[in-house]
Amino acid sequence: MHGQATSTTAEAIHHPEREEIELGAVLHALSDPVRLKIVASLASRPDACPTGSFDVPVTKSTCTHHFKVLREAGIVRQRPEGTARLNTLRREDLDAPA
């Protein structure tokens, strides 16, 4: 049963559709210096990166919260891989005309 819960959790990662991304939510998410640093780091990386691979001055739980804010704003896409979440910048969605 524990394996089923993990599978359900992985499937429950919500990402807004491109047309649901709101400028206000993006600007709010980017107003925090830690989240801005995460986005700048993702922008310079060609491949998906695990959440724990970012050099940010916060605890693991706080880092997880920052990624949730970025994901819910539509800035990053997360996908589960084993026990980790890999992150990519949603550059095409953010660059799309409104």
PDB file of N, CA and C in Angstrom:
ATOM      1  N   MET A   1       0.822  -1.189   0.000  1.00  0.00           N
ATOM      2  CA  MET A   1       0.000   0.000   0.000  1.00  0.00           C
ATOM      3  C   MET A   1       0.866   1.253   0.000  1.00  0.00           C
ATOM      4  N   HIS A   2       2.016   1.193   0.639  1.00  0.00           N
ATOM      5  CA  HIS A   2       2.900   2.352   0.657  1.00  0.00           C
ATOM      6  C   HIS A   2       3.311   2.739  -0.769  1.00  0.00           C
ATOM      7  N   GLY A   3       3.572   1.775  -1.623  1.00  0.00           N
ATOM      8  CA  GLY A   3       3.932   2.052  -3.015  1.00  0.00           C
ATOM      9  C   GLY A   3       2.816   2.765  -3.756  1.00  0.00           C
ATOM     10  N   GLN A   4       1.574   2.409  -3.445  1.00  0.00           N
ATOM     11  CA  GLN A   4       0.441   3.070  -4.082  1.00  0.00           C
ATOM     12  C   GLN A   4       0.364   4.534  -3.692  1.00  0.00           C
ATOM     13  N   ALA A   5       0.635   4.839  -2.435  1.00  0.00           N
ATOM     14  CA  ALA A   5       0.588   6.234  -1.977  1.00  0.00           C
ATOM     15  C   ALA A   5       1.636   7.057  -2.701  1.00  0.00           C
ATOM     16  N   THR A   6       2.814   6.491  -2.885  1.00  0.00           N
ATOM     17  CA  THR A   6       3.869   7.191  -3.601  1.00  0.00           C
ATOM     18  C   THR A   6       3.433   7.458  -5.034  1.00  0.00           C
ATOM     19  N   SER A   7       2.839   6.471  -5.682  1.00  0.00           N
ATOM     20  CA  SER A   7       2.372   6.634  -7.052  1.00  0.00           C
ATOM     21  C   SER A   7       1.312   7.729  -7.128  1.00  0.00           C
ATOM     22  N   THR A   8       0.368   7.731  -6.182  1.00  0.00           N
ATOM     23  CA  THR A   8      -0.682   8.741  -6.170  1.00  0.00           C
ATOM     24  C   THR A   8      -0.089  10.127  -5.963  1.00  0.00           C
ATOM     25  N   THR A   9       0.880  10.235  -5.057  1.00  0.00           N
ATOM     26  CA  THR A   9       1.527  11.520  -4.812  1.00  0.00           C
ATOM     27  C   THR A   9       2.205  12.018  -6.069  1.00  0.00           C
ATOM     28  N   ALA A  10       2.906  11.142  -6.771  1.00  0.00           N
ATOM     29  CA  ALA A  10       3.598  11.530  -7.991  1.00  0.00           C
ATOM     30  C   ALA A  10       2.608  12.036  -9.039  1.00  0.00           C
ATOM     31  N   GLU A  11       1.449  11.393  -9.117  1.00  0.00           N
ATOM     32  CA  GLU A  11       0.447  11.799 -10.096  1.00  0.00           C
ATOM     33  C   GLU A  11      -0.232  13.106  -9.697  1.00  0.00           C
ATOM     34  N   ALA A  12      -0.145  13.489  -8.418  1.00  0.00           N
ATOM     35  CA  ALA A  12      -0.866  14.650  -7.921  1.00  0.00           C
ATOM     36  C   ALA A  12      -0.118  15.964  -8.119  1.00  0.00           C
ATOM     37  N   ILE A  13       1.038  15.945  -8.753  1.00  0.00           N
ATOM     38  CA  ILE A  13       1.775  17.185  -8.982  1.00  0.00           C
ATOM     39  C   ILE A  13       0.990  18.022  -9.980  1.00  0.00           C
ATOM     40  N   HIS A  14       0.481  19.151  -9.513  1.00  0.00           N
ATOM     41  CA  HIS A  14      -0.327  20.016 -10.383  1.00  0.00           C
ATOM     42  C   HIS A  14       0.533  21.093 -11.026  1.00  0.00           C
ATOM     43  N   HIS A  15       0.347  21.254 -12.317  1.00  0.00           N
ATOM     44  CA  HIS A  15       0.990  22.340 -13.069  1.00  0.00           C
ATOM     45  C   HIS A  15      -0.116  23.101 -13.797  1.00  0.00           C
ATOM     46  N   PRO A  16      -0.135  24.413 -13.688  1.00  0.00           N
ATOM     47  CA  PRO A  16      -1.151  25.150 -14.441  1.00  0.00           C
ATOM     48  C   PRO A  16      -0.901  25.015 -15.949  1.00  0.00           C
ATOM     49  N   GLU A  17      -1.967  24.990 -16.702  1.00  0.00           N
ATOM     50  CA  GLU A  17      -1.842  24.994 -18.153  1.00  0.00           C
ATOM     51  C   GLU A  17      -1.281  26.349 -18.579  1.00  0.00           C
ATOM     52  N   ARG A  18      -0.723  26.405 -19.777  1.00  0.00           N
ATOM     53  CA  ARG A  18      -0.129  27.657 -20.271  1.00  0.00           C
ATOM     54  C   ARG A  18      -1.099  28.826 -20.156  1.00  0.00           C
ATOM     55  N   GLU A  19      -2.347  28.616 -20.542  1.00  0.00           N
ATOM     56  CA  GLU A  19      -3.316  29.715 -20.520  1.00  0.00           C
ATOM     57  C   GLU A  19      -3.766  30.085 -19.104  1.00  0.00           C
ATOM     58  N   GLU A  20      -3.422  29.268 -18.116  1.00  0.00           N
ATOM     59  CA  GLU A  20      -3.757  29.569 -16.723  1.00  0.00           C
ATOM     60  C   GLU A  20      -2.660  30.362 -16.007  1.00  0.00           C
ATOM     61  N   ILE A  21      -1.498  30.513 -16.630  1.00  0.00           N
ATOM     62  CA  ILE A  21      -0.392  31.239 -16.007  1.00  0.00           C
ATOM     63  C   ILE A  21      -0.742  32.721 -15.968  1.00  0.00           C
ATOM     64  N   GLU A  22      -0.666  33.305 -14.765  1.00  0.00           N
ATOM     65  CA  GLU A  22      -1.017  34.706 -14.578  1.00  0.00           C
ATOM     66  C   GLU A  22       0.224  35.523 -14.253  1.00  0.00           C
ATOM     67  N   LEU A  23       0.343  36.668 -14.876  1.00  0.00           N
ATOM     68  CA  LEU A  23       1.496  37.533 -14.676  1.00  0.00           C
ATOM     69  C   LEU A  23       1.701  37.881 -13.203  1.00  0.00           C
ATOM     70  N   GLY A  24       0.631  38.181 -12.503  1.00  0.00           N
ATOM     71  CA  GLY A  24       0.738  38.527 -11.084  1.00  0.00           C
ATOM     72  C   GLY A  24       1.357  37.408 -10.263  1.00  0.00           C
ATOM     73  N   ALA A  25       0.954  36.160 -10.533  1.00  0.00           N
ATOM     74  CA  ALA A  25       1.503  35.010  -9.804  1.00  0.00           C
ATOM     75  C   ALA A  25       2.978  34.813 -10.135  1.00  0.00           C
ATOM     76  N   VAL A  26       3.341  35.015 -11.395  1.00  0.00           N
ATOM     77  CA  VAL A  26       4.749  34.887 -11.815  1.00  0.00           C
ATOM     78  C   VAL A  26       5.589  35.960 -11.125  1.00  0.00           C
ATOM     79  N   LEU A  27       5.107  37.195 -11.147  1.00  0.00           N
ATOM     80  CA  LEU A  27       5.857  38.282 -10.519  1.00  0.00           C
ATOM     81  C   LEU A  27       5.986  38.074  -9.014  1.00  0.00           C
ATOM     82  N   HIS A  28       4.925  37.608  -8.380  1.00  0.00           N
ATOM     83  CA  HIS A  28       4.993  37.317  -6.944  1.00  0.00           C
ATOM     84  C   HIS A  28       6.034  36.236  -6.670  1.00  0.00           C
ATOM     85  N   ALA A  29       6.000  35.168  -7.437  1.00  0.00           N
ATOM     86  CA  ALA A  29       6.952  34.070  -7.237  1.00  0.00           C
ATOM     87  C   ALA A  29       8.393  34.543  -7.409  1.00  0.00           C
ATOM     88  N   LEU A  30       8.611  35.432  -8.363  1.00  0.00           N
ATOM     89  CA  LEU A  30       9.965  35.916  -8.629  1.00  0.00           C
ATOM     90  C   LEU A  30      10.395  37.036  -7.686  1.00  0.00           C
ATOM     91  N   SER A  31       9.496  37.508  -6.830  1.00  0.00           N
ATOM     92  CA  SER A  31       9.840  38.604  -5.920  1.00  0.00           C
ATOM     93  C   SER A  31      10.715  38.148  -4.756  1.00  0.00           C
ATOM     94  N   ASP A  32      10.804  36.853  -4.543  1.00  0.00           N
ATOM     95  CA  ASP A  32      11.641  36.333  -3.463  1.00  0.00           C
ATOM     96  C   ASP A  32      13.043  36.059  -3.990  1.00  0.00           C
ATOM     97  N   PRO A  33      14.092  36.535  -3.306  1.00  0.00           N
ATOM     98  CA  PRO A  33      15.457  36.360  -3.802  1.00  0.00           C
ATOM     99  C   PRO A  33      15.885  34.899  -3.958  1.00  0.00           C
ATOM    100  N   VAL A  34      15.399  34.014  -3.081  1.00  0.00           N
ATOM    101  CA  VAL A  34      15.760  32.597  -3.195  1.00  0.00           C
ATOM    102  C   VAL A  34      15.134  32.004  -4.446  1.00  0.00           C
ATOM    103  N   ARG A  35      13.860  32.307  -4.685  1.00  0.00           N
ATOM    104  CA  ARG A  35      13.203  31.774  -5.886  1.00  0.00           C
ATOM    105  C   ARG A  35      13.817  32.357  -7.147  1.00  0.00           C
ATOM    106  N   LEU A  36      14.179  33.618  -7.110  1.00  0.00           N
ATOM    107  CA  LEU A  36      14.837  34.236  -8.269  1.00  0.00           C
ATOM    108  C   LEU A  36      16.172  33.551  -8.554  1.00  0.00           C
ATOM    109  N   LYS A  37      16.903  33.208  -7.505  1.00  0.00           N
ATOM    110  CA  LYS A  37      18.178  32.496  -7.670  1.00  0.00           C
ATOM    111  C   LYS A  37      17.958  31.109  -8.270  1.00  0.00           C
ATOM    112  N   ILE A  38      16.908  30.420  -7.826  1.00  0.00           N
ATOM    113  CA  ILE A  38      16.581  29.094  -8.373  1.00  0.00           C
ATOM    114  C   ILE A  38      16.277  29.207  -9.861  1.00  0.00           C
ATOM    115  N   VAL A  39      15.461  30.184 -10.240  1.00  0.00           N
ATOM    116  CA  VAL A  39      15.087  30.361 -11.649  1.00  0.00           C
ATOM    117  C   VAL A  39      16.311  30.714 -12.493  1.00  0.00           C
ATOM    118  N   ALA A  40      17.170  31.588 -11.992  1.00  0.00           N
ATOM    119  CA  ALA A  40      18.388  31.947 -12.723  1.00  0.00           C
ATOM    120  C   ALA A  40      19.269  30.725 -12.918  1.00  0.00           C
ATOM    121  N   SER A  41      19.356  29.884 -11.902  1.00  0.00           N
ATOM    122  CA  SER A  41      20.150  28.662 -12.006  1.00  0.00           C
ATOM    123  C   SER A  41      19.544  27.705 -13.028  1.00  0.00           C
ATOM    124  N   LEU A  42      18.227  27.536 -12.993  1.00  0.00           N
ATOM    125  CA  LEU A  42      17.561  26.667 -13.976  1.00  0.00           C
ATOM    126  C   LEU A  42      17.744  27.185 -15.396  1.00  0.00           C
ATOM    127  N   ALA A  43      17.707  28.500 -15.552  1.00  0.00           N
ATOM    128  CA  ALA A  43      17.854  29.096 -16.887  1.00  0.00           C
ATOM    129  C   ALA A  43      19.230  28.816 -17.483  1.00  0.00           C
ATOM    130  N   SER A  44      20.217  28.604 -16.630  1.00  0.00           N
ATOM    131  CA  SER A  44      21.576  28.370 -17.130  1.00  0.00           C
ATOM    132  C   SER A  44      21.903  26.892 -17.299  1.00  0.00           C
ATOM    133  N   ARG A  45      20.971  26.003 -16.955  1.00  0.00           N
ATOM    134  CA  ARG A  45      21.212  24.561 -17.036  1.00  0.00           C
ATOM    135  C   ARG A  45      20.425  23.966 -18.203  1.00  0.00           C
ATOM    136  N   PRO A  46      21.075  23.133 -19.002  1.00  0.00           N
ATOM    137  CA  PRO A  46      20.374  22.560 -20.153  1.00  0.00           C
ATOM    138  C   PRO A  46      19.445  21.390 -19.805  1.00  0.00           C
ATOM    139  N   ASP A  47      19.676  20.733 -18.669  1.00  0.00           N
ATOM    140  CA  ASP A  47      18.900  19.541 -18.325  1.00  0.00           C
ATOM    141  C   ASP A  47      18.105  19.743 -17.048  1.00  0.00           C
ATOM    142  N   ALA A  48      17.149  18.847 -16.816  1.00  0.00           N
ATOM    143  CA  ALA A  48      16.363  18.880 -15.585  1.00  0.00           C
ATOM    144  C   ALA A  48      17.272  18.627 -14.384  1.00  0.00           C
ATOM    145  N   CYS A  49      16.971  19.290 -13.275  1.00  0.00           N
ATOM    146  CA  CYS A  49      17.809  19.206 -12.085  1.00  0.00           C
ATOM    147  C   CYS A  49      16.974  18.812 -10.875  1.00  0.00           C
ATOM    148  N   PRO A  50      17.520  17.944 -10.014  1.00  0.00           N
ATOM    149  CA  PRO A  50      16.796  17.598  -8.793  1.00  0.00           C
ATOM    150  C   PRO A  50      16.700  18.793  -7.840  1.00  0.00           C
ATOM    151  N   THR A  51      15.618  18.844  -7.089  1.00  0.00           N
ATOM    152  CA  THR A  51      15.373  19.953  -6.173  1.00  0.00           C
ATOM    153  C   THR A  51      16.545  20.178  -5.227  1.00  0.00           C
ATOM    154  N   GLY A  52      17.171  19.122  -4.740  1.00  0.00           N
ATOM    155  CA  GLY A  52      18.258  19.243  -3.782  1.00  0.00           C
ATOM    156  C   GLY A  52      19.585  19.697  -4.359  1.00  0.00           C
ATOM    157  N   SER A  53      19.664  19.944  -5.660  1.00  0.00           N
ATOM    158  CA  SER A  53      20.947  20.290  -6.278  1.00  0.00           C
ATOM    159  C   SER A  53      21.205  21.797  -6.358  1.00  0.00           C
ATOM    160  N   PHE A  54      20.328  22.598  -5.772  1.00  0.00           N
ATOM    161  CA  PHE A  54      20.467  24.045  -5.854  1.00  0.00           C
ATOM    162  C   PHE A  54      21.138  24.583  -4.596  1.00  0.00           C
ATOM    163  N   ASP A  55      22.088  25.479  -4.786  1.00  0.00           N
ATOM    164  CA  ASP A  55      22.824  26.071  -3.672  1.00  0.00           C
ATOM    165  C   ASP A  55      22.064  27.298  -3.171  1.00  0.00           C
ATOM    166  N   VAL A  56      21.122  27.043  -2.261  1.00  0.00           N
ATOM    167  CA  VAL A  56      20.327  28.123  -1.692  1.00  0.00           C
ATOM    168  C   VAL A  56      20.432  28.069  -0.164  1.00  0.00           C
ATOM    169  N   PRO A  57      20.427  29.235   0.480  1.00  0.00           N
ATOM    170  CA  PRO A  57      20.651  29.291   1.926  1.00  0.00           C
ATOM    171  C   PRO A  57      19.395  29.041   2.766  1.00  0.00           C
ATOM    172  N   VAL A  58      18.692  27.950   2.479  1.00  0.00           N
ATOM    173  CA  VAL A  58      17.470  27.626   3.212  1.00  0.00           C
ATOM    174  C   VAL A  58      17.444  26.130   3.522  1.00  0.00           C
ATOM    175  N   THR A  59      16.575  25.743   4.450  1.00  0.00           N
ATOM    176  CA  THR A  59      16.432  24.333   4.792  1.00  0.00           C
ATOM    177  C   THR A  59      15.767  23.579   3.639  1.00  0.00           C
ATOM    178  N   LYS A  60      15.838  22.254   3.697  1.00  0.00           N
ATOM    179  CA  LYS A  60      15.239  21.422   2.651  1.00  0.00           C
ATOM    180  C   LYS A  60      13.731  21.675   2.553  1.00  0.00           C
ATOM    181  N   SER A  61      13.064  21.788   3.698  1.00  0.00           N
ATOM    182  CA  SER A  61      11.611  22.007   3.658  1.00  0.00           C
ATOM    183  C   SER A  61      11.268  23.378   3.078  1.00  0.00           C
ATOM    184  N   THR A  62      12.065  24.384   3.382  1.00  0.00           N
ATOM    185  CA  THR A  62      11.832  25.717   2.818  1.00  0.00           C
ATOM    186  C   THR A  62      12.096  25.716   1.326  1.00  0.00           C
ATOM    187  N   CYS A  63      13.121  24.996   0.896  1.00  0.00           N
ATOM    188  CA  CYS A  63      13.422  24.880  -0.539  1.00  0.00           C
ATOM    189  C   CYS A  63      12.247  24.209  -1.260  1.00  0.00           C
ATOM    190  N   THR A  64      11.701  23.170  -0.644  1.00  0.00           N
ATOM    191  CA  THR A  64      10.536  22.483  -1.221  1.00  0.00           C
ATOM    192  C   THR A  64       9.373  23.465  -1.374  1.00  0.00           C
ATOM    193  N   HIS A  65       9.160  24.307  -0.378  1.00  0.00           N
ATOM    194  CA  HIS A  65       8.097  25.318  -0.456  1.00  0.00           C
ATOM    195  C   HIS A  65       8.351  26.283  -1.625  1.00  0.00           C
ATOM    196  N   HIS A  66       9.582  26.735  -1.773  1.00  0.00           N
ATOM    197  CA  HIS A  66       9.915  27.661  -2.866  1.00  0.00           C
ATOM    198  C   HIS A  66       9.620  27.016  -4.223  1.00  0.00           C
ATOM    199  N   PHE A  67       9.961  25.741  -4.384  1.00  0.00           N
ATOM    200  CA  PHE A  67       9.660  25.058  -5.640  1.00  0.00           C
ATOM    201  C   PHE A  67       8.164  24.911  -5.862  1.00  0.00           C
ATOM    202  N   LYS A  68       7.403  24.715  -4.799  1.00  0.00           N
ATOM    203  CA  LYS A  68       5.950  24.630  -4.932  1.00  0.00           C
ATOM    204  C   LYS A  68       5.390  25.951  -5.438  1.00  0.00           C
ATOM    205  N   VAL A  69       5.871  27.061  -4.880  1.00  0.00           N
ATOM    206  CA  VAL A  69       5.406  28.385  -5.330  1.00  0.00           C
ATOM    207  C   VAL A  69       5.751  28.583  -6.804  1.00  0.00           C
ATOM    208  N   LEU A  70       6.964  28.228  -7.199  1.00  0.00           N
ATOM    209  CA  LEU A  70       7.380  28.373  -8.605  1.00  0.00           C
ATOM    210  C   LEU A  70       6.548  27.485  -9.528  1.00  0.00           C
ATOM    211  N   ARG A  71       6.266  26.256  -9.079  1.00  0.00           N
ATOM    212  CA  ARG A  71       5.472  25.326  -9.890  1.00  0.00           C
ATOM    213  C   ARG A  71       4.040  25.817 -10.028  1.00  0.00           C
ATOM    214  N   GLU A  72       3.443  26.239  -8.925  1.00  0.00           N
ATOM    215  CA  GLU A  72       2.050  26.688  -8.967  1.00  0.00           C
ATOM    216  C   GLU A  72       1.881  27.982  -9.757  1.00  0.00           C
ATOM    217  N   ALA A  73       2.937  28.778  -9.864  1.00  0.00           N
ATOM    218  CA  ALA A  73       2.891  29.996 -10.673  1.00  0.00           C
ATOM    219  C   ALA A  73       3.104  29.686 -12.155  1.00  0.00           C
ATOM    220  N   GLY A  74       3.535  28.459 -12.462  1.00  0.00           N
ATOM    221  CA  GLY A  74       3.757  28.073 -13.858  1.00  0.00           C
ATOM    222  C   GLY A  74       5.167  28.357 -14.350  1.00  0.00           C
ATOM    223  N   ILE A  75       6.100  28.589 -13.440  1.00  0.00           N
ATOM    224  CA  ILE A  75       7.467  28.934 -13.835  1.00  0.00           C
ATOM    225  C   ILE A  75       8.320  27.692 -14.043  1.00  0.00           C
ATOM    226  N   VAL A  76       8.115  26.674 -13.212  1.00  0.00           N
ATOM    227  CA  VAL A  76       8.882  25.434 -13.355  1.00  0.00           C
ATOM    228  C   VAL A  76       7.941  24.259 -13.558  1.00  0.00           C
ATOM    229  N   ARG A  77       8.475  23.229 -14.165  1.00  0.00           N
ATOM    230  CA  ARG A  77       7.767  21.952 -14.300  1.00  0.00           C
ATOM    231  C   ARG A  77       8.559  20.944 -13.497  1.00  0.00           C
ATOM    232  N   GLN A  78       7.852  20.159 -12.679  1.00  0.00           N
ATOM    233  CA  GLN A  78       8.488  19.124 -11.889  1.00  0.00           C
ATOM    234  C   GLN A  78       7.968  17.773 -12.339  1.00  0.00           C
ATOM    235  N   ARG A  79       8.899  16.807 -12.374  1.00  0.00           N
ATOM    236  CA  ARG A  79       8.485  15.442 -12.665  1.00  0.00           C
ATOM    237  C   ARG A  79       9.205  14.527 -11.693  1.00  0.00           C
ATOM    238  N   PRO A  80       8.467  13.544 -11.179  1.00  0.00           N
ATOM    239  CA  PRO A  80       9.084  12.631 -10.225  1.00  0.00           C
ATOM    240  C   PRO A  80      10.057  11.683 -10.923  1.00  0.00           C
ATOM    241  N   GLU A  81      11.146  11.402 -10.246  1.00  0.00           N
ATOM    242  CA  GLU A  81      12.088  10.376 -10.698  1.00  0.00           C
ATOM    243  C   GLU A  81      12.617   9.697  -9.451  1.00  0.00           C
ATOM    244  N   GLY A  82      12.099   8.509  -9.184  1.00  0.00           N
ATOM    245  CA  GLY A  82      12.424   7.833  -7.933  1.00  0.00           C
ATOM    246  C   GLY A  82      11.872   8.639  -6.776  1.00  0.00           C
ATOM    247  N   THR A  83      12.737   8.958  -5.819  1.00  0.00           N
ATOM    248  CA  THR A  83      12.294   9.745  -4.663  1.00  0.00           C
ATOM    249  C   THR A  83      12.528  11.240  -4.875  1.00  0.00           C
ATOM    250  N   ALA A  84      13.105  11.610  -6.002  1.00  0.00           N
ATOM    251  CA  ALA A  84      13.421  13.015  -6.281  1.00  0.00           C
ATOM    252  C   ALA A  84      12.393  13.619  -7.236  1.00  0.00           C
ATOM    253  N   ARG A  85      12.427  14.941  -7.307  1.00  0.00           N
ATOM    254  CA  ARG A  85      11.657  15.670  -8.327  1.00  0.00           C
ATOM    255  C   ARG A  85      12.654  16.425  -9.185  1.00  0.00           C
ATOM    256  N   LEU A  86      12.552  16.209 -10.483  1.00  0.00           N
ATOM    257  CA  LEU A  86      13.408  16.927 -11.419  1.00  0.00           C
ATOM    258  C   LEU A  86      12.682  18.178 -11.888  1.00  0.00           C
ATOM    259  N   ASN A  87      13.416  19.260 -12.007  1.00  0.00           N
ATOM    260  CA  ASN A  87      12.849  20.567 -12.312  1.00  0.00           C
ATOM    261  C   ASN A  87      13.388  21.126 -13.617  1.00  0.00           C
ATOM    262  N   THR A  88      12.495  21.704 -14.394  1.00  0.00           N
ATOM    263  CA  THR A  88      12.888  22.418 -15.603  1.00  0.00           C
ATOM    264  C   THR A  88      12.132  23.741 -15.642  1.00  0.00           C
ATOM    265  N   LEU A  89      12.730  24.705 -16.284  1.00  0.00           N
ATOM    266  CA  LEU A  89      12.099  26.006 -16.470  1.00  0.00           C
ATOM    267  C   LEU A  89      11.092  25.897 -17.614  1.00  0.00           C
ATOM    268  N   ARG A  90       9.902  26.448 -17.441  1.00  0.00           N
ATOM    269  CA  ARG A  90       8.871  26.400 -18.487  1.00  0.00           C
ATOM    270  C   ARG A  90       9.053  27.599 -19.423  1.00  0.00           C
ATOM    271  N   ARG A  91      10.215  27.677 -20.015  1.00  0.00           N
ATOM    272  CA  ARG A  91      10.586  28.827 -20.841  1.00  0.00           C
ATOM    273  C   ARG A  91       9.605  29.073 -21.995  1.00  0.00           C
ATOM    274  N   GLU A  92       9.233  28.007 -22.718  1.00  0.00           N
ATOM    275  CA  GLU A  92       8.316  28.183 -23.853  1.00  0.00           C
ATOM    276  C   GLU A  92       6.962  28.715 -23.392  1.00  0.00           C
ATOM    277  N   ASP A  93       6.473  28.200 -22.274  1.00  0.00           N
ATOM    278  CA  ASP A  93       5.178  28.659 -21.766  1.00  0.00           C
ATOM    279  C   ASP A  93       5.256  30.103 -21.311  1.00  0.00           C
ATOM    280  N   LEU A  94       6.370  30.484 -20.686  1.00  0.00           N
ATOM    281  CA  LEU A  94       6.517  31.843 -20.196  1.00  0.00           C
ATOM    282  C   LEU A  94       6.749  32.832 -21.330  1.00  0.00           C
ATOM    283  N   ASP A  95       7.382  32.374 -22.416  1.00  0.00           N
ATOM    284  CA  ASP A  95       7.661  33.250 -23.552  1.00  0.00           C
ATOM    285  C   ASP A  95       6.465  33.377 -24.506  1.00  0.00           C
ATOM    286  N   ALA A  96       5.471  32.513 -24.358  1.00  0.00           N
ATOM    287  CA  ALA A  96       4.316  32.515 -25.279  1.00  0.00           C
ATOM    288  C   ALA A  96       3.532  33.815 -25.139  1.00  0.00           C
ATOM    289  N   PRO A  97       3.016  34.327 -26.243  1.00  0.00           N
ATOM    290  CA  PRO A  97       2.187  35.535 -26.160  1.00  0.00           C
ATOM    291  C   PRO A  97       0.934  35.275 -25.339  1.00  0.00           C
ATOM    292  N   ALA A  98       0.507  36.296 -24.642  1.00  0.00           N
ATOM    293  CA  ALA A  98      -0.683  36.160 -23.775  1.00  0.00           C
ATOM    294  C   ALA A  98      -1.949  36.065 -24.586  1.00  0.00           C
TER     295      ALA A  98
END
